[in-house]
Amino acid sequence: MSGAIGIMAGRKGVAAIAAAAVFAIPVAAFAADCKQEHAVYVDRDGAYELRFTPLNSPSAAASNQFKVNALETSVVMEGYVMPSEDPVRAIGILMFNCPEGDATGADLDACTVWQGAVYGMNAQGEMDNLQPEGAAAAEKLVLPGLGPAIRESSAWGEGKASVAPWDVLTFKECAT
């Protein structure tokens, strides 16, 4: 009798694990069903959101564009991803409060928050260069050195960003 109860309890435990796995799968499925230009990511602390938007230009030098919001603040940083060669890399640049129109190199240096490689990670944890618009959205983004760069930038301070994000951002949703 107690053996049957143990088997039944075991089955209920397996059913609970299977149900949890089924409910966890849609997050991964959503990223695979989303195009990179509509993907939205968050950092592990929920302090930042990175939102891709379509370039709407077939002749653009960039392969992706995005905005990073320091949530619960008015800080919105603008970013672009561009392909580079030798070695082939997806290189990102993130800027805050850049001047409109013509800007000098010094102006751009002053408003650049972060610059570096941008990697996408798939559901198996394999990393590669971030793919351009039209490709399936990455499960995670890796922007090495993002947190320390924001802390050292003009986007940091009183009334601005006050929490440095982790360098890994996780797919949140697909914007429409």
Protein backbone atom coordinates (compact mmCIF):
# COMPACT_ATOMS: atom_id res chain seq x y z
CA MET A 1 0.00 0.00 0.00
CA SER A 2 2.72 2.44 0.91
CA GLY A 3 4.56 1.47 -2.29
CA ALA A 4 1.56 2.52 -4.39
CA ILE A 5 1.41 5.85 -2.58
CA GLY A 6 5.11 6.38 -3.26
CA ILE A 7 4.60 5.64 -6.96
CA MET A 8 1.62 7.99 -7.14
CA ALA A 9 3.53 10.74 -5.35
CA GLY A 10 6.44 10.16 -7.72
CA ARG A 11 4.13 10.51 -10.71
CA LYS A 12 2.71 13.75 -9.35
CA GLY A 13 6.26 15.04 -8.86
CA VAL A 14 7.19 14.15 -12.44
CA ALA A 15 3.98 15.77 -13.68
CA ALA A 16 4.83 18.95 -11.77
CA ILE A 17 8.33 19.03 -13.27
CA ALA A 18 6.93 18.44 -16.77
CA ALA A 19 4.36 21.22 -16.29
CA ALA A 20 7.06 23.59 -15.08
CA ALA A 21 9.19 22.74 -18.11
CA VAL A 22 6.27 23.35 -20.49
CA PHE A 23 5.58 26.74 -18.95
CA ALA A 24 9.28 27.66 -19.13
CA ILE A 25 9.58 26.81 -22.84
CA PRO A 26 7.53 29.72 -24.24
CA VAL A 27 10.19 32.26 -23.23
CA ALA A 28 12.72 30.49 -25.45
CA ALA A 29 10.12 29.96 -28.17
CA PHE A 30 9.24 33.64 -28.19
CA ALA A 31 12.87 34.67 -28.82
CA ALA A 32 13.15 32.18 -31.68
CA ASP A 33 9.90 33.51 -33.17
CA CYS A 34 10.97 37.16 -32.84
CA LYS A 35 13.15 39.08 -35.30
CA GLN A 36 16.17 40.84 -33.80
CA GLU A 37 14.85 44.30 -34.75
CA HIS A 38 11.82 43.77 -32.47
CA ALA A 39 13.55 42.10 -29.50
CA VAL A 40 13.48 43.59 -26.00
CA TYR A 41 15.98 42.58 -23.29
CA VAL A 42 16.40 43.26 -19.57
CA ASP A 43 19.32 43.02 -17.17
CA ARG A 44 19.22 40.59 -14.25
CA ASP A 45 18.33 43.30 -11.72
CA GLY A 46 15.46 44.74 -13.77
CA ALA A 47 17.12 48.17 -13.79
CA TYR A 48 17.71 48.41 -17.57
CA GLU A 49 15.80 47.61 -20.72
CA LEU A 50 17.41 47.34 -24.15
CA ARG A 51 14.93 47.66 -27.03
CA PHE A 52 15.83 47.12 -30.67
CA THR A 53 14.03 49.12 -33.35
CA PRO A 54 14.06 48.66 -37.13
CA LEU A 55 16.57 50.74 -39.07
CA ASN A 56 14.11 51.26 -41.93
CA SER A 57 16.98 51.83 -44.34
CA PRO A 58 18.49 49.20 -46.63
CA SER A 59 21.55 51.43 -47.16
CA ALA A 60 22.34 52.02 -43.47
CA ALA A 61 25.90 51.27 -42.37
CA ALA A 62 24.54 49.85 -39.11
CA SER A 63 23.11 46.35 -38.86
CA ASN A 64 20.92 47.12 -35.80
CA GLN A 65 19.80 50.07 -33.71
CA PHE A 66 18.57 50.08 -30.12
CA LYS A 67 17.80 52.19 -27.07
CA VAL A 68 18.80 51.46 -23.50
CA ASN A 69 16.55 52.84 -20.78
CA ALA A 70 17.71 53.08 -17.19
CA LEU A 71 14.33 52.21 -15.75
CA GLU A 72 12.81 54.51 -13.14
CA THR A 73 14.90 57.39 -14.53
CA SER A 74 14.67 59.64 -17.58
CA VAL A 75 17.96 58.25 -18.97
CA VAL A 76 17.61 56.92 -22.52
CA MET A 77 20.80 56.00 -24.37
CA GLU A 78 20.92 55.38 -28.12
CA GLY A 79 22.93 52.62 -29.68
CA TYR A 80 23.94 51.08 -32.99
CA VAL A 81 25.55 47.81 -34.01
CA MET A 82 27.84 47.82 -37.04
CA PRO A 83 29.69 44.99 -38.73
CA SER A 84 33.48 45.18 -38.74
CA GLU A 85 36.11 43.08 -40.46
CA ASP A 86 39.38 41.38 -39.60
CA PRO A 87 38.26 39.85 -37.37
CA VAL A 88 34.57 39.84 -38.22
CA ARG A 89 32.74 41.32 -35.24
CA ALA A 90 29.46 43.00 -34.44
CA ILE A 91 30.62 46.26 -32.82
CA GLY A 92 28.21 48.30 -30.73
CA ILE A 93 28.28 51.90 -29.65
CA LEU A 94 26.03 53.42 -26.98
CA MET A 95 25.62 57.19 -26.67
CA PHE A 96 23.92 59.60 -24.28
CA ASN A 97 22.93 63.21 -24.98
CA CYS A 98 24.85 63.56 -28.23
CA PRO A 99 24.49 66.87 -30.06
CA GLU A 100 22.09 66.98 -33.02
CA GLY A 101 23.41 67.56 -36.53
CA ASP A 102 27.09 67.98 -37.28
CA ALA A 103 29.28 66.89 -34.39
CA THR A 104 33.03 66.82 -34.01
CA GLY A 105 35.02 63.77 -32.99
CA ALA A 106 35.46 65.35 -29.56
CA ASP A 107 31.67 65.80 -29.27
CA LEU A 108 31.11 62.14 -30.11
CA ASP A 109 33.81 60.98 -27.70
CA ALA A 110 32.18 63.03 -24.93
CA CYS A 111 28.74 61.48 -25.45
CA THR A 112 29.89 57.88 -26.04
CA VAL A 113 28.98 55.75 -23.04
CA TRP A 114 30.21 52.35 -24.24
CA GLN A 115 31.76 50.76 -27.30
CA GLY A 116 32.63 47.11 -27.88
CA ALA A 117 31.70 43.73 -29.28
CA VAL A 118 28.06 42.66 -29.14
CA TYR A 119 27.42 38.95 -28.85
CA GLY A 120 24.19 37.00 -29.12
CA MET A 121 23.68 33.78 -27.20
CA ASN A 122 21.32 31.01 -28.27
CA ALA A 123 19.25 28.69 -26.07
CA GLN A 124 22.17 26.22 -25.87
CA GLY A 125 24.48 28.93 -24.48
CA GLU A 126 26.55 29.23 -27.67
CA MET A 127 27.78 32.76 -28.41
CA ASP A 128 28.29 34.40 -31.78
CA ASN A 129 28.30 37.90 -33.20
CA LEU A 130 24.90 39.57 -32.94
CA GLN A 131 23.02 38.88 -36.14
CA PRO A 132 21.59 41.73 -38.25
CA GLU A 133 17.97 42.69 -38.70
CA GLY A 134 15.80 39.93 -40.12
CA ALA A 135 17.53 37.18 -38.14
CA ALA A 136 15.92 35.39 -35.21
CA ALA A 137 16.38 37.23 -31.93
CA ALA A 138 19.14 36.07 -29.60
CA GLU A 139 18.12 34.52 -26.28
CA LYS A 140 20.67 36.68 -24.48
CA LEU A 141 22.95 39.56 -25.35
CA VAL A 142 26.47 39.97 -24.01
CA LEU A 143 27.91 43.50 -23.99
CA PRO A 144 31.30 43.16 -22.26
CA GLY A 145 32.10 46.03 -19.90
CA LEU A 146 28.69 47.74 -20.21
CA GLY A 147 28.11 48.19 -16.46
CA PRO A 148 31.48 49.80 -15.63
CA ALA A 149 31.24 52.01 -18.74
CA ILE A 150 27.84 53.37 -17.70
CA ARG A 151 29.16 54.05 -14.20
CA GLU A 152 31.99 56.17 -15.72
CA SER A 153 29.74 58.05 -18.17
CA SER A 154 27.63 61.20 -18.19
CA ALA A 155 24.53 58.96 -17.88
CA TRP A 156 25.54 58.21 -14.26
CA GLY A 157 24.80 60.33 -11.24
CA GLU A 158 22.10 62.00 -9.22
CA GLY A 159 18.78 61.87 -11.06
CA LYS A 160 20.33 59.57 -13.67
CA ALA A 161 21.43 55.95 -13.70
CA SER A 162 22.52 54.76 -10.27
CA VAL A 163 22.70 50.97 -10.75
CA ALA A 164 25.26 49.48 -13.12
CA PRO A 165 23.78 46.72 -15.28
CA TRP A 166 25.22 43.27 -15.66
CA ASP A 167 26.86 42.66 -19.05
CA VAL A 168 24.34 39.95 -19.96
CA LEU A 169 20.80 40.89 -20.93
CA THR A 170 18.00 38.34 -21.27
CA PHE A 171 15.22 38.29 -23.87
CA LYS A 172 12.04 39.74 -22.36
CA GLU A 173 9.56 40.08 -25.20
CA CYS A 174 9.00 40.79 -28.85
CA ALA A 175 7.77 44.35 -29.50
CA THR A 176 5.22 44.81 -32.25
